[in-house]
Amino acid sequence: MSDFIVTSCSTADMPLEFFKSRNVPFVCFHFIMDGIEYEDDLGQSMPFEEFYKKISDGSKPTTSQVNAAQFVEFFEPLLKEGKDILHISLSSGLSGTYNSANIAREELMEKYPERKIMIVDSLGASSGYGLLVTSACDMRDGGSTIEETFQWLEENKLRVNHWFFSTDLTSYYRGGRISAASNIVGTMLHICPLLNMNHEGKLIPRSKYRGKKHVIEEIVTRMEEHAENKLDYSGRCYISNSACYEDARKVADLIESKFLKLDGKIMINSVGTVIGSHTGPGTVALFFYGDKRID
């Protein structure tokens, strides 16, 4: 095993057991709900079920990113242990956290010039970002150096495909991403937008479908079109959901019936409290390795 630490942010939306078992320290974003500040600590401070119920009942959480001082506090104990750090950050297209991590790096490298801190902009989010963290752990555990792992991540991060759909437009309206009229009409007609993440790590609406059944079929079709080796895809596949496990399970069942060479069963995770503050309940996100994102 290589002697460096892989770290990430809580917004990788992986289970707590994943971070413990793969030895991945993570730094928490924060959110404020009903006037109280919480850590985005994978559902420990506030269970996901409670969080999404509060949103459905009208709560409007706000979020804050990890700043440079918090990164210094997070990185420094690891450096004192004599560890080099490979940190994978939430997409710079969604947050300024990548820049904060680099500011902290510059400060700490003056103090610990013998150590290495390498920062990767995942250009990803939720369990797609988590999929990249998993690959980094696999390389570390397989004996790759920190430089080799960093280079592989830089060359392959845009191959992580992110596809999302939502069956509840309320949070999109509250966040100003759609108009009141679009929210009303979309809700009446059961419109489900399908989005993906582009090469800049930003969420882009791609199409709209009427009815949950159609959008579930379409998101699987996108995997058929874009996965590495198409139906012979043999990599990992992750799904995250915001209080709509049954919809996520339907997507997973359909994929597992079509992609017979997957690397294990599909992992279904919860969208965390920070990303979920923006999506609200009703979002299903699908992640896999495939075509490089170019637009």
C-alpha atoms as a PDB file:
ATOM      1  CA  MET A   1       0.000   0.000   0.000  1.00  0.00           C
ATOM      2  CA  SER A   2       1.267   3.481  -0.873  1.00  0.00           C
ATOM      3  CA  ASP A   3       2.071   5.835   1.975  1.00  0.00           C
ATOM      4  CA  PHE A   4      -0.259   8.742   1.226  1.00  0.00           C
ATOM      5  CA  ILE A   5      -3.708   9.747   2.396  1.00  0.00           C
ATOM      6  CA  VAL A   6      -6.707  10.218   0.104  1.00  0.00           C
ATOM      7  CA  THR A   7      -9.052  12.865   1.479  1.00  0.00           C
ATOM      8  CA  SER A   8     -12.299  14.398   0.280  1.00  0.00           C
ATOM      9  CA  CYS A   9     -15.228  16.578   1.277  1.00  0.00           C
ATOM     10  CA  SER A  10     -18.481  15.337   2.757  1.00  0.00           C
ATOM     11  CA  THR A  11     -20.214  16.207  -0.519  1.00  0.00           C
ATOM     12  CA  ALA A  12     -18.878  12.994  -2.070  1.00  0.00           C
ATOM     13  CA  ASP A  13     -22.106  11.557  -0.579  1.00  0.00           C
ATOM     14  CA  MET A  14     -20.746   8.144   0.310  1.00  0.00           C
ATOM     15  CA  PRO A  15     -21.768   6.184   3.432  1.00  0.00           C
ATOM     16  CA  LEU A  16     -19.834   6.795   6.628  1.00  0.00           C
ATOM     17  CA  GLU A  17     -18.684   3.172   6.548  1.00  0.00           C
ATOM     18  CA  PHE A  18     -17.061   3.788   3.159  1.00  0.00           C
ATOM     19  CA  PHE A  19     -14.875   6.578   4.535  1.00  0.00           C
ATOM     20  CA  LYS A  20     -13.925   4.469   7.544  1.00  0.00           C
ATOM     21  CA  SER A  21     -13.205   1.254   5.650  1.00  0.00           C
ATOM     22  CA  ARG A  22     -11.232   2.956   2.865  1.00  0.00           C
ATOM     23  CA  ASN A  23      -9.330   5.229   5.283  1.00  0.00           C
ATOM     24  CA  VAL A  24     -10.545   8.488   3.742  1.00  0.00           C
ATOM     25  CA  PRO A  25     -10.674  11.444   6.145  1.00  0.00           C
ATOM     26  CA  PHE A  26     -13.314  13.951   5.022  1.00  0.00           C
ATOM     27  CA  VAL A  27     -13.946  17.606   5.800  1.00  0.00           C
ATOM     28  CA  CYS A  28     -17.526  18.726   6.363  1.00  0.00           C
ATOM     29  CA  PHE A  29     -19.475  21.430   4.600  1.00  0.00           C
ATOM     30  CA  HIS A  30     -22.177  23.087   6.752  1.00  0.00           C
ATOM     31  CA  PHE A  31     -25.833  23.935   6.323  1.00  0.00           C
ATOM     32  CA  ILE A  32     -28.267  26.129   8.228  1.00  0.00           C
ATOM     33  CA  MET A  33     -31.830  24.960   8.694  1.00  0.00           C
ATOM     34  CA  ASP A  34     -34.464  26.791  10.742  1.00  0.00           C
ATOM     35  CA  GLY A  35     -31.782  29.058  12.187  1.00  0.00           C
ATOM     36  CA  ILE A  36     -29.510  26.249  13.399  1.00  0.00           C
ATOM     37  CA  GLU A  37     -26.138  25.400  11.832  1.00  0.00           C
ATOM     38  CA  TYR A  38     -25.279  21.735  11.260  1.00  0.00           C
ATOM     39  CA  GLU A  39     -22.333  19.839   9.833  1.00  0.00           C
ATOM     40  CA  ASP A  40     -22.913  17.958   6.598  1.00  0.00           C
ATOM     41  CA  ASP A  41     -21.722  14.822   8.381  1.00  0.00           C
ATOM     42  CA  LEU A  42     -23.412  12.073   6.392  1.00  0.00           C
ATOM     43  CA  GLY A  43     -26.668  12.135   8.295  1.00  0.00           C
ATOM     44  CA  GLN A  44     -25.235  11.929  11.800  1.00  0.00           C
ATOM     45  CA  SER A  45     -26.313  15.364  13.075  1.00  0.00           C
ATOM     46  CA  MET A  46     -29.595  15.213  11.215  1.00  0.00           C
ATOM     47  CA  PRO A  47     -30.880  11.970   9.667  1.00  0.00           C
ATOM     48  CA  PHE A  48     -31.623  12.275   5.956  1.00  0.00           C
ATOM     49  CA  GLU A  49     -35.266  11.332   6.434  1.00  0.00           C
ATOM     50  CA  GLU A  50     -35.732  14.213   8.896  1.00  0.00           C
ATOM     51  CA  PHE A  51     -33.824  16.621   6.674  1.00  0.00           C
ATOM     52  CA  TYR A  52     -35.936  15.997   3.591  1.00  0.00           C
ATOM     53  CA  LYS A  53     -39.179  16.010   5.580  1.00  0.00           C
ATOM     54  CA  LYS A  54     -38.304  19.460   6.888  1.00  0.00           C
ATOM     55  CA  ILE A  55     -37.777  20.679   3.318  1.00  0.00           C
ATOM     56  CA  SER A  56     -41.118  19.179   2.266  1.00  0.00           C
ATOM     57  CA  ASP A  57     -42.715  20.979   5.204  1.00  0.00           C
ATOM     58  CA  GLY A  58     -41.315  24.309   4.037  1.00  0.00           C
ATOM     59  CA  SER A  59     -37.833  24.685   5.528  1.00  0.00           C
ATOM     60  CA  LYS A  60     -35.314  26.394   3.251  1.00  0.00           C
ATOM     61  CA  PRO A  61     -31.767  25.331   4.171  1.00  0.00           C
ATOM     62  CA  THR A  62     -28.739  27.359   3.137  1.00  0.00           C
ATOM     63  CA  THR A  63     -25.210  26.020   2.790  1.00  0.00           C
ATOM     64  CA  SER A  64     -21.622  27.149   3.335  1.00  0.00           C
ATOM     65  CA  GLN A  65     -18.467  25.750   1.780  1.00  0.00           C
ATOM     66  CA  VAL A  66     -15.232  24.772   3.481  1.00  0.00           C
ATOM     67  CA  ASN A  67     -12.955  27.808   3.715  1.00  0.00           C
ATOM     68  CA  ALA A  68      -9.155  27.944   3.596  1.00  0.00           C
ATOM     69  CA  ALA A  69      -8.749  28.131   7.382  1.00  0.00           C
ATOM     70  CA  GLN A  70     -10.858  24.999   7.811  1.00  0.00           C
ATOM     71  CA  PHE A  71      -8.716  23.202   5.251  1.00  0.00           C
ATOM     72  CA  VAL A  72      -5.557  24.178   7.110  1.00  0.00           C
ATOM     73  CA  GLU A  73      -7.072  22.770  10.290  1.00  0.00           C
ATOM     74  CA  PHE A  74      -8.080  19.601   8.419  1.00  0.00           C
ATOM     75  CA  PHE A  75      -4.796  19.000   6.559  1.00  0.00           C
ATOM     76  CA  GLU A  76      -2.233  19.923   9.204  1.00  0.00           C
ATOM     77  CA  PRO A  77      -2.687  16.964  11.607  1.00  0.00           C
ATOM     78  CA  LEU A  78      -2.172  14.589   8.670  1.00  0.00           C
ATOM     79  CA  LEU A  79       1.011  16.375   7.663  1.00  0.00           C
ATOM     80  CA  LYS A  80       2.272  16.204  11.244  1.00  0.00           C
ATOM     81  CA  GLU A  81       1.827  12.421  11.050  1.00  0.00           C
ATOM     82  CA  GLY A  82       4.254  12.444   8.123  1.00  0.00           C
ATOM     83  CA  LYS A  83       1.612  11.735   5.473  1.00  0.00           C
ATOM     84  CA  ASP A  84       1.395  13.150   1.975  1.00  0.00           C
ATOM     85  CA  ILE A  85      -2.135  14.192   0.995  1.00  0.00           C
ATOM     86  CA  LEU A  86      -4.120  13.694  -2.184  1.00  0.00           C
ATOM     87  CA  HIS A  87      -7.294  15.716  -1.738  1.00  0.00           C
ATOM     88  CA  ILE A  88     -10.215  15.387  -4.137  1.00  0.00           C
ATOM     89  CA  SER A  89     -12.538  18.380  -4.096  1.00  0.00           C
ATOM     90  CA  LEU A  90     -16.161  19.023  -5.005  1.00  0.00           C
ATOM     91  CA  SER A  91     -16.506  20.466  -8.518  1.00  0.00           C
ATOM     92  CA  SER A  92     -15.243  24.012  -8.949  1.00  0.00           C
ATOM     93  CA  GLY A  93     -18.287  24.484 -11.184  1.00  0.00           C
ATOM     94  CA  LEU A  94     -20.506  24.245  -8.110  1.00  0.00           C
ATOM     95  CA  SER A  95     -18.392  25.611  -5.262  1.00  0.00           C
ATOM     96  CA  GLY A  96     -15.299  27.648  -4.423  1.00  0.00           C
ATOM     97  CA  THR A  97     -14.006  24.877  -2.186  1.00  0.00           C
ATOM     98  CA  TYR A  98     -11.349  23.790  -4.698  1.00  0.00           C
ATOM     99  CA  ASN A  99      -9.830  27.281  -4.526  1.00  0.00           C
ATOM    100  CA  SER A 100      -9.991  27.227  -0.717  1.00  0.00           C
ATOM    101  CA  ALA A 101      -8.097  23.925  -0.657  1.00  0.00           C
ATOM    102  CA  ASN A 102      -5.386  25.380  -2.878  1.00  0.00           C
ATOM    103  CA  ILE A 103      -5.006  28.469  -0.680  1.00  0.00           C
ATOM    104  CA  ALA A 104      -4.554  26.166   2.315  1.00  0.00           C
ATOM    105  CA  ARG A 105      -2.053  24.097   0.355  1.00  0.00           C
ATOM    106  CA  GLU A 106       0.119  27.121  -0.416  1.00  0.00           C
ATOM    107  CA  GLU A 107       0.148  28.135   3.232  1.00  0.00           C
ATOM    108  CA  LEU A 108       0.985  24.666   4.510  1.00  0.00           C
ATOM    109  CA  MET A 109       3.658  23.895   1.921  1.00  0.00           C
ATOM    110  CA  GLU A 110       5.706  26.792   3.314  1.00  0.00           C
ATOM    111  CA  LYS A 111       5.483  25.221   6.750  1.00  0.00           C
ATOM    112  CA  TYR A 112       5.952  21.588   5.628  1.00  0.00           C
ATOM    113  CA  PRO A 113       8.144  21.778   2.488  1.00  0.00           C
ATOM    114  CA  GLU A 114       9.116  18.112   2.817  1.00  0.00           C
ATOM    115  CA  ARG A 115       5.501  16.966   2.401  1.00  0.00           C
ATOM    116  CA  LYS A 116       3.247  16.766  -0.667  1.00  0.00           C
ATOM    117  CA  ILE A 117      -0.294  18.096  -0.934  1.00  0.00           C
ATOM    118  CA  MET A 118      -1.948  17.504  -4.293  1.00  0.00           C
ATOM    119  CA  ILE A 119      -5.435  18.867  -5.002  1.00  0.00           C
ATOM    120  CA  VAL A 120      -7.783  17.422  -7.652  1.00  0.00           C
ATOM    121  CA  ASP A 121     -10.832  19.308  -8.893  1.00  0.00           C
ATOM    122  CA  SER A 122     -13.228  16.380  -9.302  1.00  0.00           C
ATOM    123  CA  LEU A 123     -15.513  18.329 -11.659  1.00  0.00           C
ATOM    124  CA  GLY A 124     -18.100  16.064 -10.074  1.00  0.00           C
ATOM    125  CA  ALA A 125     -20.640  15.931  -7.274  1.00  0.00           C
ATOM    126  CA  SER A 126     -22.425  13.545  -4.940  1.00  0.00           C
ATOM    127  CA  SER A 127     -21.653   9.871  -5.486  1.00  0.00           C
ATOM    128  CA  GLY A 128     -20.099  10.650  -8.889  1.00  0.00           C
ATOM    129  CA  TYR A 129     -17.453  12.520  -6.960  1.00  0.00           C
ATOM    130  CA  GLY A 130     -17.505   9.490  -4.641  1.00  0.00           C
ATOM    131  CA  LEU A 131     -16.831   7.198  -7.586  1.00  0.00           C
ATOM    132  CA  LEU A 132     -13.643   9.148  -8.323  1.00  0.00           C
ATOM    133  CA  VAL A 133     -12.615   8.905  -4.669  1.00  0.00           C
ATOM    134  CA  THR A 134     -13.160   5.130  -4.848  1.00  0.00           C
ATOM    135  CA  SER A 135     -10.850   4.874  -7.859  1.00  0.00           C
ATOM    136  CA  ALA A 136      -8.180   6.868  -6.035  1.00  0.00           C
ATOM    137  CA  CYS A 137      -8.407   4.473  -3.078  1.00  0.00           C
ATOM    138  CA  ASP A 138      -8.111   1.481  -5.399  1.00  0.00           C
ATOM    139  CA  MET A 139      -4.941   2.907  -6.915  1.00  0.00           C
ATOM    140  CA  ARG A 140      -3.454   3.806  -3.525  1.00  0.00           C
ATOM    141  CA  ASP A 141      -4.203   0.336  -2.164  1.00  0.00           C
ATOM    142  CA  GLY A 142      -2.781  -1.223  -5.322  1.00  0.00           C
ATOM    143  CA  GLY A 143       0.588   0.443  -4.727  1.00  0.00           C
ATOM    144  CA  SER A 144       0.396   3.460  -7.051  1.00  0.00           C
ATOM    145  CA  THR A 145       2.321   6.542  -6.001  1.00  0.00           C
ATOM    146  CA  ILE A 146       0.610   9.806  -5.171  1.00  0.00           C
ATOM    147  CA  GLU A 147       1.900  11.250  -8.473  1.00  0.00           C
ATOM    148  CA  GLU A 148       0.582   8.315 -10.498  1.00  0.00           C
ATOM    149  CA  THR A 149      -2.795   8.504  -8.798  1.00  0.00           C
ATOM    150  CA  PHE A 150      -3.044  12.262  -9.276  1.00  0.00           C
ATOM    151  CA  GLN A 151      -2.185  11.947 -12.961  1.00  0.00           C
ATOM    152  CA  TRP A 152      -4.748   9.181 -13.516  1.00  0.00           C
ATOM    153  CA  LEU A 153      -7.470  11.219 -11.818  1.00  0.00           C
ATOM    154  CA  GLU A 154      -6.680  14.267 -13.928  1.00  0.00           C
ATOM    155  CA  GLU A 155      -6.798  12.186 -17.102  1.00  0.00           C
ATOM    156  CA  ASN A 156      -9.988  10.299 -16.241  1.00  0.00           C
ATOM    157  CA  LYS A 157     -12.197  12.530 -14.081  1.00  0.00           C
ATOM    158  CA  LEU A 158     -14.233  13.715 -17.059  1.00  0.00           C
ATOM    159  CA  ARG A 159     -15.048  10.097 -17.850  1.00  0.00           C
ATOM    160  CA  VAL A 160     -17.287   9.936 -14.773  1.00  0.00           C
ATOM    161  CA  ASN A 161     -20.765  10.430 -16.228  1.00  0.00           C
ATOM    162  CA  HIS A 162     -23.364  12.191 -14.049  1.00  0.00           C
ATOM    163  CA  TRP A 163     -27.049  11.937 -14.980  1.00  0.00           C
ATOM    164  CA  PHE A 164     -29.811  13.335 -12.752  1.00  0.00           C
ATOM    165  CA  PHE A 165     -33.581  13.548 -12.835  1.00  0.00           C
ATOM    166  CA  SER A 166     -36.049  15.130 -10.450  1.00  0.00           C
ATOM    167  CA  THR A 167     -39.692  14.341  -9.805  1.00  0.00           C
ATOM    168  CA  ASP A 168     -40.204  17.336  -7.465  1.00  0.00           C
ATOM    169  CA  LEU A 169     -39.591  20.832  -8.815  1.00  0.00           C
ATOM    170  CA  THR A 170     -40.291  22.726  -5.587  1.00  0.00           C
ATOM    171  CA  SER A 171     -36.658  23.264  -4.566  1.00  0.00           C
ATOM    172  CA  TYR A 172     -35.724  24.255  -8.117  1.00  0.00           C
ATOM    173  CA  TYR A 173     -38.362  26.989  -7.898  1.00  0.00           C
ATOM    174  CA  ARG A 174     -37.350  28.074  -4.390  1.00  0.00           C
ATOM    175  CA  GLY A 175     -33.729  28.309  -5.510  1.00  0.00           C
ATOM    176  CA  GLY A 176     -34.643  30.500  -8.489  1.00  0.00           C
ATOM    177  CA  ARG A 177     -33.665  27.936 -11.112  1.00  0.00           C
ATOM    178  CA  ILE A 178     -37.172  27.794 -12.604  1.00  0.00           C
ATOM    179  CA  SER A 179     -40.049  30.281 -12.620  1.00  0.00           C
ATOM    180  CA  ALA A 180     -43.260  30.028 -10.609  1.00  0.00           C
ATOM    181  CA  ALA A 181     -45.177  29.319 -13.820  1.00  0.00           C
ATOM    182  CA  SER A 182     -42.778  26.523 -14.821  1.00  0.00           C
ATOM    183  CA  ASN A 183     -43.103  25.016 -11.366  1.00  0.00           C
ATOM    184  CA  ILE A 184     -46.911  25.043 -11.497  1.00  0.00           C
ATOM    185  CA  VAL A 185     -47.185  23.731 -15.048  1.00  0.00           C
ATOM    186  CA  GLY A 186     -44.396  21.196 -14.569  1.00  0.00           C
ATOM    187  CA  THR A 187     -45.998  19.855 -11.408  1.00  0.00           C
ATOM    188  CA  MET A 188     -49.457  19.621 -13.015  1.00  0.00           C
ATOM    189  CA  LEU A 189     -48.081  17.757 -16.044  1.00  0.00           C
ATOM    190  CA  HIS A 190     -45.653  15.590 -14.001  1.00  0.00           C
ATOM    191  CA  ILE A 191     -42.675  16.979 -15.917  1.00  0.00           C
ATOM    192  CA  CYS A 192     -39.340  15.433 -14.882  1.00  0.00           C
ATOM    193  CA  PRO A 193     -36.210  17.251 -16.091  1.00  0.00           C
ATOM    194  CA  LEU A 194     -33.137  15.202 -17.014  1.00  0.00           C
ATOM    195  CA  LEU A 195     -29.781  16.884 -16.384  1.00  0.00           C
ATOM    196  CA  ASN A 196     -26.139  15.985 -16.556  1.00  0.00           C
ATOM    197  CA  MET A 197     -22.827  17.513 -15.589  1.00  0.00           C
ATOM    198  CA  ASN A 198     -20.741  19.116 -18.304  1.00  0.00           C
ATOM    199  CA  HIS A 199     -16.972  19.375 -18.769  1.00  0.00           C
ATOM    200  CA  GLU A 200     -16.834  22.409 -16.465  1.00  0.00           C
ATOM    201  CA  GLY A 201     -18.510  20.508 -13.637  1.00  0.00           C
ATOM    202  CA  LYS A 202     -21.784  22.418 -13.944  1.00  0.00           C
ATOM    203  CA  LEU A 203     -25.272  20.927 -14.008  1.00  0.00           C
ATOM    204  CA  ILE A 204     -26.931  21.366 -17.394  1.00  0.00           C
ATOM    205  CA  PRO A 205     -30.616  20.618 -18.210  1.00  0.00           C
ATOM    206  CA  ARG A 206     -30.730  18.316 -21.228  1.00  0.00           C
ATOM    207  CA  SER A 207     -34.366  17.327 -21.732  1.00  0.00           C
ATOM    208  CA  LYS A 208     -37.762  16.973 -20.069  1.00  0.00           C
ATOM    209  CA  TYR A 209     -40.026  13.951 -19.787  1.00  0.00           C
ATOM    210  CA  ARG A 210     -43.626  13.615 -18.775  1.00  0.00           C
ATOM    211  CA  GLY A 211     -43.967  11.027 -16.064  1.00  0.00           C
ATOM    212  CA  LYS A 212     -41.599   9.159 -13.834  1.00  0.00           C
ATOM    213  CA  LYS A 213     -41.658   5.954 -15.899  1.00  0.00           C
ATOM    214  CA  HIS A 214     -40.364   7.721 -18.997  1.00  0.00           C
ATOM    215  CA  VAL A 215     -37.500   9.507 -17.267  1.00  0.00           C
ATOM    216  CA  ILE A 216     -36.402   6.307 -15.497  1.00  0.00           C
ATOM    217  CA  GLU A 217     -36.239   4.529 -18.852  1.00  0.00           C
ATOM    218  CA  GLU A 218     -34.379   7.458 -20.408  1.00  0.00           C
ATOM    219  CA  ILE A 219     -31.698   7.733 -17.751  1.00  0.00           C
ATOM    220  CA  VAL A 220     -30.893   4.043 -18.274  1.00  0.00           C
ATOM    221  CA  THR A 221     -30.821   4.631 -22.040  1.00  0.00           C
ATOM    222  CA  ARG A 222     -28.208   7.328 -21.473  1.00  0.00           C
ATOM    223  CA  MET A 223     -26.059   4.790 -19.678  1.00  0.00           C
ATOM    224  CA  GLU A 224     -26.491   2.353 -22.579  1.00  0.00           C
ATOM    225  CA  GLU A 225     -25.282   5.091 -24.933  1.00  0.00           C
ATOM    226  CA  HIS A 226     -22.399   6.482 -22.910  1.00  0.00           C
ATOM    227  CA  ALA A 227     -21.018   3.765 -20.593  1.00  0.00           C
ATOM    228  CA  GLU A 228     -17.566   2.372 -21.323  1.00  0.00           C
ATOM    229  CA  ASN A 229     -18.052  -0.674 -23.588  1.00  0.00           C
ATOM    230  CA  LYS A 230     -21.808   0.053 -23.627  1.00  0.00           C
ATOM    231  CA  LEU A 231     -23.771  -2.989 -22.322  1.00  0.00           C
ATOM    232  CA  ASP A 232     -20.484  -4.769 -21.574  1.00  0.00           C
ATOM    233  CA  TYR A 233     -19.614  -2.116 -18.990  1.00  0.00           C
ATOM    234  CA  SER A 234     -17.686  -3.833 -16.207  1.00  0.00           C
ATOM    235  CA  GLY A 235     -16.992  -0.948 -13.854  1.00  0.00           C
ATOM    236  CA  ARG A 236     -18.746   0.304 -10.744  1.00  0.00           C
ATOM    237  CA  CYS A 237     -22.086   2.066 -10.858  1.00  0.00           C
ATOM    238  CA  TYR A 238     -23.392   4.307  -8.083  1.00  0.00           C
ATOM    239  CA  ILE A 239     -26.791   5.912  -7.583  1.00  0.00           C
ATOM    240  CA  SER A 240     -27.735   8.596  -5.075  1.00  0.00           C
ATOM    241  CA  ASN A 241     -31.233   9.699  -4.156  1.00  0.00           C
ATOM    242  CA  SER A 242     -32.938  12.368  -2.089  1.00  0.00           C
ATOM    243  CA  ALA A 243     -35.765  10.693  -0.160  1.00  0.00           C
ATOM    244  CA  CYS A 244     -36.933   8.668  -3.175  1.00  0.00           C
ATOM    245  CA  TYR A 245     -35.294   5.281  -2.657  1.00  0.00           C
ATOM    246  CA  GLU A 246     -38.001   3.384  -4.567  1.00  0.00           C
ATOM    247  CA  ASP A 247     -37.284   5.410  -7.719  1.00  0.00           C
ATOM    248  CA  ALA A 248     -33.549   4.817  -7.298  1.00  0.00           C
ATOM    249  CA  ARG A 249     -34.187   1.106  -6.814  1.00  0.00           C
ATOM    250  CA  LYS A 250     -36.193   0.959 -10.063  1.00  0.00           C
ATOM    251  CA  VAL A 251     -33.267   2.542 -11.926  1.00  0.00           C
ATOM    252  CA  ALA A 252     -30.823   0.106 -10.303  1.00  0.00           C
ATOM    253  CA  ASP A 253     -32.980  -2.935 -11.098  1.00  0.00           C
ATOM    254  CA  LEU A 254     -33.306  -1.904 -14.715  1.00  0.00           C
ATOM    255  CA  ILE A 255     -29.562  -1.347 -15.069  1.00  0.00           C
ATOM    256  CA  GLU A 256     -28.692  -4.642 -13.382  1.00  0.00           C
ATOM    257  CA  SER A 257     -31.026  -6.466 -15.768  1.00  0.00           C
ATOM    258  CA  LYS A 258     -29.257  -4.964 -18.794  1.00  0.00           C
ATOM    259  CA  PHE A 259     -25.611  -4.624 -17.695  1.00  0.00           C
ATOM    260  CA  LEU A 260     -24.601  -8.122 -16.709  1.00  0.00           C
ATOM    261  CA  LYS A 261     -20.878  -7.464 -16.228  1.00  0.00           C
ATOM    262  CA  LEU A 262     -21.061  -4.732 -13.575  1.00  0.00           C
ATOM    263  CA  ASP A 263     -18.403  -4.714 -10.870  1.00  0.00           C
ATOM    264  CA  GLY A 264     -20.740  -5.809  -8.079  1.00  0.00           C
ATOM    265  CA  LYS A 265     -24.238  -4.661  -7.206  1.00  0.00           C
ATOM    266  CA  ILE A 266     -25.109  -1.006  -7.665  1.00  0.00           C
ATOM    267  CA  MET A 267     -24.501   1.056  -4.521  1.00  0.00           C
ATOM    268  CA  ILE A 268     -27.469   3.296  -3.686  1.00  0.00           C
ATOM    269  CA  ASN A 269     -26.596   6.243  -1.440  1.00  0.00           C
ATOM    270  CA  SER A 270     -28.400   9.270  -0.065  1.00  0.00           C
ATOM    271  CA  VAL A 271     -27.861  12.710  -1.522  1.00  0.00           C
ATOM    272  CA  GLY A 272     -26.276  14.546   1.387  1.00  0.00           C
ATOM    273  CA  THR A 273     -27.640  17.544   3.209  1.00  0.00           C
ATOM    274  CA  VAL A 274     -25.573  20.162   1.343  1.00  0.00           C
ATOM    275  CA  ILE A 275     -26.327  19.025  -2.197  1.00  0.00           C
ATOM    276  CA  GLY A 276     -29.820  18.085  -1.055  1.00  0.00           C
ATOM    277  CA  SER A 277     -30.351  21.671   0.137  1.00  0.00           C
ATOM    278  CA  HIS A 278     -30.322  22.638  -3.543  1.00  0.00           C
ATOM    279  CA  THR A 279     -32.067  19.644  -5.133  1.00  0.00           C
ATOM    280  CA  GLY A 280     -34.669  19.008  -2.457  1.00  0.00           C
ATOM    281  CA  PRO A 281     -36.415  15.620  -2.306  1.00  0.00           C
ATOM    282  CA  GLY A 282     -37.229  13.614  -5.411  1.00  0.00           C
ATOM    283  CA  THR A 283     -33.840  13.570  -7.178  1.00  0.00           C
ATOM    284  CA  VAL A 284     -32.164  10.420  -8.507  1.00  0.00           C
ATOM    285  CA  ALA A 285     -28.578  10.613  -9.773  1.00  0.00           C
ATOM    286  CA  LEU A 286     -26.712   7.935 -11.760  1.00  0.00           C
ATOM    287  CA  PHE A 287     -22.914   7.679 -12.032  1.00  0.00           C
ATOM    288  CA  PHE A 288     -20.632   5.471 -14.128  1.00  0.00           C
ATOM    289  CA  TYR A 289     -17.434   5.604 -16.202  1.00  0.00           C
ATOM    290  CA  GLY A 290     -17.929   6.222 -19.900  1.00  0.00           C
ATOM    291  CA  ASP A 291     -17.533   8.792 -22.655  1.00  0.00           C
ATOM    292  CA  LYS A 292     -15.444  11.813 -21.798  1.00  0.00           C
ATOM    293  CA  ARG A 293     -17.551  14.891 -21.104  1.00  0.00           C
ATOM    294  CA  ILE A 294     -16.764  17.463 -23.777  1.00  0.00           C
ATOM    295  CA  ASP A 295     -19.648  19.956 -23.509  1.00  0.00           C
END
